[in-house]
Amino acid sequence: MDTPVVSILWFVLILALIPAALWLLKRLQLVNGSQRAGSRVVGVLPLSGSQRILTVEVGEGLQRRWLVLGVTPSSITLLHQLDPPADAYPAPAPASFAETLKRLAPQPGDPP
């Protein structure tokens, strides 16, 4: 094959792999901008196109609290603060990159 054609094919392949890699990262939850360590969104109630009520869990262990927030484009207002229900499960700790890699890596004795 001609060298410029091969170069163009490699370029197209690399461009196609970028969205695939981003999808895979999102699927593995390595990229999650809305979740920080010790916090998670419990529920969302849309009121209009730009206004909503969020219930957010913050803290860990006995320090966990649920915050009910009113969210608009220009402000975030604390509406209420309450203890999470007893049957609410604790927020899972985000897996580190090393733990995720170890989980996905083939183990000795696994078929190729």
N, C-alpha and C. Protein backbone atom coordinates (compact mmCIF):
# COMPACT_ATOMS: atom_id res chain seq x y z
N MET A 1 0.82 -1.18 0.00
CA MET A 1 0.00 0.00 0.00
C MET A 1 0.87 1.24 0.00
N ASP A 2 0.31 2.29 -0.45
CA ASP A 2 1.01 3.57 -0.51
C ASP A 2 1.15 4.13 0.91
N THR A 3 2.27 4.71 1.26
CA THR A 3 2.55 5.22 2.61
C THR A 3 1.55 6.29 3.06
N PRO A 4 1.17 7.26 2.23
CA PRO A 4 0.17 8.24 2.70
C PRO A 4 -1.17 7.60 3.03
N VAL A 5 -1.55 6.56 2.28
CA VAL A 5 -2.83 5.90 2.55
C VAL A 5 -2.77 5.18 3.89
N VAL A 6 -1.67 4.53 4.19
CA VAL A 6 -1.50 3.84 5.47
C VAL A 6 -1.53 4.86 6.61
N SER A 7 -0.88 5.98 6.42
CA SER A 7 -0.87 7.02 7.45
C SER A 7 -2.27 7.55 7.71
N ILE A 8 -3.04 7.75 6.67
CA ILE A 8 -4.41 8.25 6.82
C ILE A 8 -5.27 7.20 7.52
N LEU A 9 -5.09 5.93 7.19
CA LEU A 9 -5.85 4.88 7.85
C LEU A 9 -5.53 4.80 9.34
N TRP A 10 -4.26 4.94 9.69
CA TRP A 10 -3.87 4.95 11.11
C TRP A 10 -4.48 6.16 11.83
N PHE A 11 -4.48 7.30 11.17
CA PHE A 11 -5.06 8.51 11.75
C PHE A 11 -6.55 8.32 12.02
N VAL A 12 -7.27 7.75 11.06
CA VAL A 12 -8.71 7.50 11.22
C VAL A 12 -8.95 6.49 12.34
N LEU A 13 -8.12 5.46 12.42
CA LEU A 13 -8.25 4.46 13.48
C LEU A 13 -8.06 5.09 14.85
N ILE A 14 -7.05 5.93 14.98
CA ILE A 14 -6.79 6.59 16.26
C ILE A 14 -7.94 7.52 16.63
N LEU A 15 -8.47 8.25 15.66
CA LEU A 15 -9.62 9.12 15.94
C LEU A 15 -10.84 8.31 16.37
N ALA A 16 -11.01 7.13 15.81
CA ALA A 16 -12.14 6.28 16.19
C ALA A 16 -11.94 5.68 17.58
N LEU A 17 -10.70 5.47 17.98
CA LEU A 17 -10.43 4.88 19.29
C LEU A 17 -10.62 5.86 20.44
N ILE A 18 -10.54 7.15 20.19
CA ILE A 18 -10.69 8.13 21.26
C ILE A 18 -12.08 8.06 21.90
N PRO A 19 -13.19 8.12 21.14
CA PRO A 19 -14.49 8.00 21.79
C PRO A 19 -14.70 6.63 22.45
N ALA A 20 -14.14 5.59 21.84
CA ALA A 20 -14.26 4.26 22.43
C ALA A 20 -13.55 4.20 23.79
N ALA A 21 -12.38 4.79 23.88
CA ALA A 21 -11.64 4.81 25.14
C ALA A 21 -12.37 5.64 26.19
N LEU A 22 -12.93 6.77 25.80
CA LEU A 22 -13.69 7.59 26.75
C LEU A 22 -14.93 6.86 27.25
N TRP A 23 -15.62 6.15 26.34
CA TRP A 23 -16.77 5.36 26.75
C TRP A 23 -16.36 4.28 27.75
N LEU A 24 -15.24 3.62 27.48
CA LEU A 24 -14.77 2.57 28.36
C LEU A 24 -14.41 3.13 29.74
N LEU A 25 -13.73 4.27 29.77
CA LEU A 25 -13.40 4.89 31.05
C LEU A 25 -14.65 5.25 31.84
N LYS A 26 -15.66 5.77 31.15
CA LYS A 26 -16.90 6.12 31.83
C LYS A 26 -17.61 4.86 32.32
N ARG A 27 -17.57 3.82 31.52
CA ARG A 27 -18.20 2.55 31.88
C ARG A 27 -17.54 1.95 33.11
N LEU A 28 -16.24 2.11 33.23
CA LEU A 28 -15.50 1.59 34.38
C LEU A 28 -15.56 2.53 35.57
N GLN A 29 -16.23 3.65 35.42
CA GLN A 29 -16.39 4.66 36.46
C GLN A 29 -15.07 5.24 36.93
N LEU A 30 -14.08 5.28 36.03
CA LEU A 30 -12.84 5.95 36.37
C LEU A 30 -12.98 7.45 36.20
N VAL A 31 -13.90 7.87 35.33
CA VAL A 31 -14.18 9.28 35.11
C VAL A 31 -15.59 9.52 35.59
N ASN A 32 -15.72 10.24 36.70
CA ASN A 32 -17.04 10.53 37.23
C ASN A 32 -16.98 11.88 37.90
N GLY A 33 -17.29 12.91 37.16
CA GLY A 33 -17.16 14.27 37.67
C GLY A 33 -18.17 14.63 38.74
N SER A 34 -19.30 13.94 38.81
CA SER A 34 -20.32 14.33 39.76
C SER A 34 -20.15 13.67 41.12
N GLN A 35 -19.22 12.75 41.26
CA GLN A 35 -19.07 12.06 42.52
C GLN A 35 -17.67 12.28 43.08
N ARG A 36 -17.61 12.75 44.28
CA ARG A 36 -16.36 12.94 44.98
C ARG A 36 -16.30 11.93 46.12
N ALA A 37 -15.13 11.74 46.67
CA ALA A 37 -14.99 10.83 47.79
C ALA A 37 -15.84 11.33 48.94
N GLY A 38 -16.72 10.47 49.45
CA GLY A 38 -17.54 10.85 50.59
C GLY A 38 -18.81 11.59 50.23
N SER A 39 -19.16 11.71 48.97
CA SER A 39 -20.42 12.36 48.61
C SER A 39 -21.03 11.65 47.41
N ARG A 40 -22.36 11.69 47.34
CA ARG A 40 -23.07 11.12 46.19
C ARG A 40 -24.45 11.75 46.10
N VAL A 41 -24.99 11.77 44.90
CA VAL A 41 -26.33 12.28 44.68
C VAL A 41 -27.30 11.14 44.95
N VAL A 42 -28.23 11.37 45.87
CA VAL A 42 -29.20 10.35 46.25
C VAL A 42 -30.42 10.43 45.34
N GLY A 43 -30.86 11.64 45.03
CA GLY A 43 -32.04 11.79 44.18
C GLY A 43 -32.10 13.17 43.57
N VAL A 44 -32.84 13.27 42.45
CA VAL A 44 -33.00 14.53 41.73
C VAL A 44 -34.48 14.69 41.40
N LEU A 45 -35.02 15.88 41.65
CA LEU A 45 -36.40 16.19 41.29
C LEU A 45 -36.38 17.43 40.41
N PRO A 46 -36.54 17.27 39.09
CA PRO A 46 -36.55 18.45 38.21
C PRO A 46 -37.84 19.25 38.42
N LEU A 47 -37.71 20.55 38.58
CA LEU A 47 -38.87 21.42 38.75
C LEU A 47 -39.19 22.14 37.45
N SER A 48 -38.15 22.54 36.74
CA SER A 48 -38.30 23.17 35.43
C SER A 48 -37.03 22.86 34.65
N GLY A 49 -36.88 23.49 33.49
CA GLY A 49 -35.70 23.23 32.68
C GLY A 49 -34.41 23.60 33.37
N SER A 50 -34.45 24.57 34.26
CA SER A 50 -33.21 25.04 34.89
C SER A 50 -33.23 24.96 36.40
N GLN A 51 -34.31 24.46 36.99
CA GLN A 51 -34.40 24.38 38.44
C GLN A 51 -34.66 22.93 38.86
N ARG A 52 -34.01 22.52 39.94
CA ARG A 52 -34.22 21.16 40.44
C ARG A 52 -33.91 21.11 41.92
N ILE A 53 -34.40 20.05 42.54
CA ILE A 53 -34.09 19.78 43.94
C ILE A 53 -33.23 18.53 43.98
N LEU A 54 -32.09 18.63 44.64
CA LEU A 54 -31.16 17.51 44.77
C LEU A 54 -31.10 17.06 46.21
N THR A 55 -31.00 15.76 46.41
CA THR A 55 -30.69 15.21 47.72
C THR A 55 -29.29 14.62 47.59
N VAL A 56 -28.37 15.14 48.40
CA VAL A 56 -26.97 14.74 48.32
C VAL A 56 -26.54 14.17 49.66
N GLU A 57 -25.86 13.03 49.61
CA GLU A 57 -25.30 12.44 50.83
C GLU A 57 -23.87 12.90 50.96
N VAL A 58 -23.52 13.42 52.12
CA VAL A 58 -22.14 13.86 52.38
C VAL A 58 -21.65 13.20 53.65
N GLY A 59 -20.34 13.07 53.76
CA GLY A 59 -19.74 12.48 54.95
C GLY A 59 -19.69 10.96 54.84
N GLU A 60 -19.09 10.35 55.83
CA GLU A 60 -18.94 8.91 55.87
C GLU A 60 -19.25 8.40 57.27
N GLY A 61 -19.68 7.15 57.35
CA GLY A 61 -19.93 6.51 58.64
C GLY A 61 -21.03 7.21 59.42
N LEU A 62 -20.76 7.47 60.69
CA LEU A 62 -21.74 8.11 61.55
C LEU A 62 -21.90 9.60 61.23
N GLN A 63 -20.99 10.16 60.47
CA GLN A 63 -21.05 11.57 60.11
C GLN A 63 -21.87 11.82 58.85
N ARG A 64 -22.47 10.77 58.26
CA ARG A 64 -23.24 10.95 57.03
C ARG A 64 -24.46 11.82 57.28
N ARG A 65 -24.73 12.69 56.32
CA ARG A 65 -25.92 13.55 56.35
C ARG A 65 -26.47 13.65 54.95
N TRP A 66 -27.77 13.83 54.84
CA TRP A 66 -28.41 14.11 53.57
C TRP A 66 -28.76 15.59 53.54
N LEU A 67 -28.35 16.26 52.48
CA LEU A 67 -28.66 17.67 52.28
C LEU A 67 -29.66 17.78 51.14
N VAL A 68 -30.75 18.49 51.38
CA VAL A 68 -31.72 18.75 50.33
C VAL A 68 -31.42 20.15 49.82
N LEU A 69 -31.05 20.23 48.53
CA LEU A 69 -30.58 21.48 47.95
C LEU A 69 -31.51 21.94 46.84
N GLY A 70 -31.79 23.23 46.81
CA GLY A 70 -32.48 23.84 45.68
C GLY A 70 -31.42 24.38 44.74
N VAL A 71 -31.46 23.95 43.48
CA VAL A 71 -30.40 24.31 42.52
C VAL A 71 -31.04 25.09 41.37
N THR A 72 -30.52 26.29 41.13
CA THR A 72 -30.89 27.11 39.98
C THR A 72 -29.60 27.48 39.24
N PRO A 73 -29.69 28.07 38.06
CA PRO A 73 -28.45 28.45 37.37
C PRO A 73 -27.60 29.45 38.14
N SER A 74 -28.22 30.22 39.01
CA SER A 74 -27.46 31.27 39.70
C SER A 74 -27.16 30.97 41.16
N SER A 75 -27.76 29.92 41.74
CA SER A 75 -27.51 29.68 43.17
C SER A 75 -27.81 28.24 43.56
N ILE A 76 -27.26 27.87 44.70
CA ILE A 76 -27.57 26.59 45.36
C ILE A 76 -27.96 26.94 46.78
N THR A 77 -29.15 26.50 47.20
CA THR A 77 -29.67 26.85 48.52
C THR A 77 -29.93 25.59 49.32
N LEU A 78 -29.45 25.56 50.57
CA LEU A 78 -29.73 24.44 51.46
C LEU A 78 -31.17 24.57 51.94
N LEU A 79 -32.00 23.60 51.59
CA LEU A 79 -33.41 23.62 51.99
C LEU A 79 -33.64 22.86 53.29
N HIS A 80 -32.91 21.75 53.45
CA HIS A 80 -33.11 20.93 54.64
C HIS A 80 -31.90 20.02 54.83
N GLN A 81 -31.65 19.63 56.08
CA GLN A 81 -30.57 18.69 56.40
C GLN A 81 -31.16 17.61 57.28
N LEU A 82 -30.88 16.34 56.95
CA LEU A 82 -31.44 15.25 57.74
C LEU A 82 -30.48 14.08 57.79
N ASP A 83 -30.72 13.20 58.77
CA ASP A 83 -29.95 11.97 58.87
C ASP A 83 -30.46 11.00 57.82
N PRO A 84 -29.56 10.21 57.21
CA PRO A 84 -30.03 9.24 56.21
C PRO A 84 -30.85 8.15 56.88
N PRO A 85 -31.80 7.57 56.15
CA PRO A 85 -32.58 6.47 56.73
C PRO A 85 -31.68 5.30 57.11
N ALA A 86 -32.11 4.51 58.06
CA ALA A 86 -31.30 3.39 58.54
C ALA A 86 -31.07 2.36 57.44
N ASP A 87 -32.02 2.23 56.51
CA ASP A 87 -31.86 1.23 55.47
C ASP A 87 -31.08 1.72 54.26
N ALA A 88 -30.64 2.99 54.29
CA ALA A 88 -29.85 3.53 53.17
C ALA A 88 -28.44 2.96 53.27
N TYR A 89 -27.96 2.44 52.17
CA TYR A 89 -26.63 1.84 52.16
C TYR A 89 -25.58 2.94 52.13
N PRO A 90 -24.40 2.71 52.72
CA PRO A 90 -23.35 3.73 52.69
C PRO A 90 -22.80 3.91 51.28
N ALA A 91 -22.28 5.10 51.04
CA ALA A 91 -21.69 5.39 49.73
C ALA A 91 -20.47 4.50 49.52
N PRO A 92 -20.37 3.83 48.37
CA PRO A 92 -19.20 2.99 48.13
C PRO A 92 -17.96 3.85 47.92
N ALA A 93 -16.86 3.35 48.43
CA ALA A 93 -15.60 4.05 48.23
C ALA A 93 -15.18 3.91 46.77
N PRO A 94 -14.78 5.01 46.14
CA PRO A 94 -14.37 4.89 44.75
C PRO A 94 -13.09 4.05 44.65
N ALA A 95 -13.06 3.18 43.65
CA ALA A 95 -11.90 2.33 43.44
C ALA A 95 -10.75 3.15 42.88
N SER A 96 -9.56 2.90 43.38
CA SER A 96 -8.40 3.59 42.84
C SER A 96 -8.05 2.97 41.49
N PHE A 97 -7.23 3.68 40.74
CA PHE A 97 -6.82 3.18 39.43
C PHE A 97 -6.08 1.85 39.58
N ALA A 98 -5.25 1.73 40.60
CA ALA A 98 -4.48 0.49 40.81
C ALA A 98 -5.42 -0.68 41.11
N GLU A 99 -6.46 -0.45 41.95
CA GLU A 99 -7.40 -1.52 42.26
C GLU A 99 -8.18 -1.94 41.02
N THR A 100 -8.61 -0.97 40.21
CA THR A 100 -9.36 -1.29 39.00
C THR A 100 -8.48 -2.05 38.02
N LEU A 101 -7.23 -1.63 37.86
CA LEU A 101 -6.30 -2.31 36.96
C LEU A 101 -6.05 -3.74 37.43
N LYS A 102 -5.89 -3.92 38.74
CA LYS A 102 -5.66 -5.25 39.29
C LYS A 102 -6.87 -6.15 39.06
N ARG A 103 -8.07 -5.58 39.17
CA ARG A 103 -9.30 -6.35 38.97
C ARG A 103 -9.46 -6.75 37.50
N LEU A 104 -9.05 -5.88 36.58
CA LEU A 104 -9.22 -6.14 35.16
C LEU A 104 -8.09 -6.95 34.54
N ALA A 105 -6.93 -6.96 35.19
CA ALA A 105 -5.77 -7.66 34.64
C ALA A 105 -5.98 -9.17 34.70
N PRO A 106 -5.51 -9.90 33.69
CA PRO A 106 -5.64 -11.35 33.72
C PRO A 106 -4.81 -11.94 34.86
N GLN A 107 -5.38 -12.93 35.51
CA GLN A 107 -4.71 -13.59 36.64
C GLN A 107 -3.93 -14.78 36.13
N PRO A 108 -2.88 -15.19 36.84
CA PRO A 108 -2.14 -16.39 36.43
C PRO A 108 -3.08 -17.59 36.38
N GLY A 109 -2.99 -18.34 35.31
CA GLY A 109 -3.86 -19.49 35.14
C GLY A 109 -5.11 -19.21 34.35
N ASP A 110 -5.41 -17.92 34.09
CA ASP A 110 -6.56 -17.58 33.25
C ASP A 110 -6.25 -17.93 31.80
N PRO A 111 -7.26 -18.39 31.07
CA PRO A 111 -7.00 -18.68 29.64
C PRO A 111 -6.73 -17.39 28.88
N PRO A 112 -5.87 -17.44 27.87
CA PRO A 112 -5.53 -16.22 27.13
C PRO A 112 -6.68 -15.70 26.30
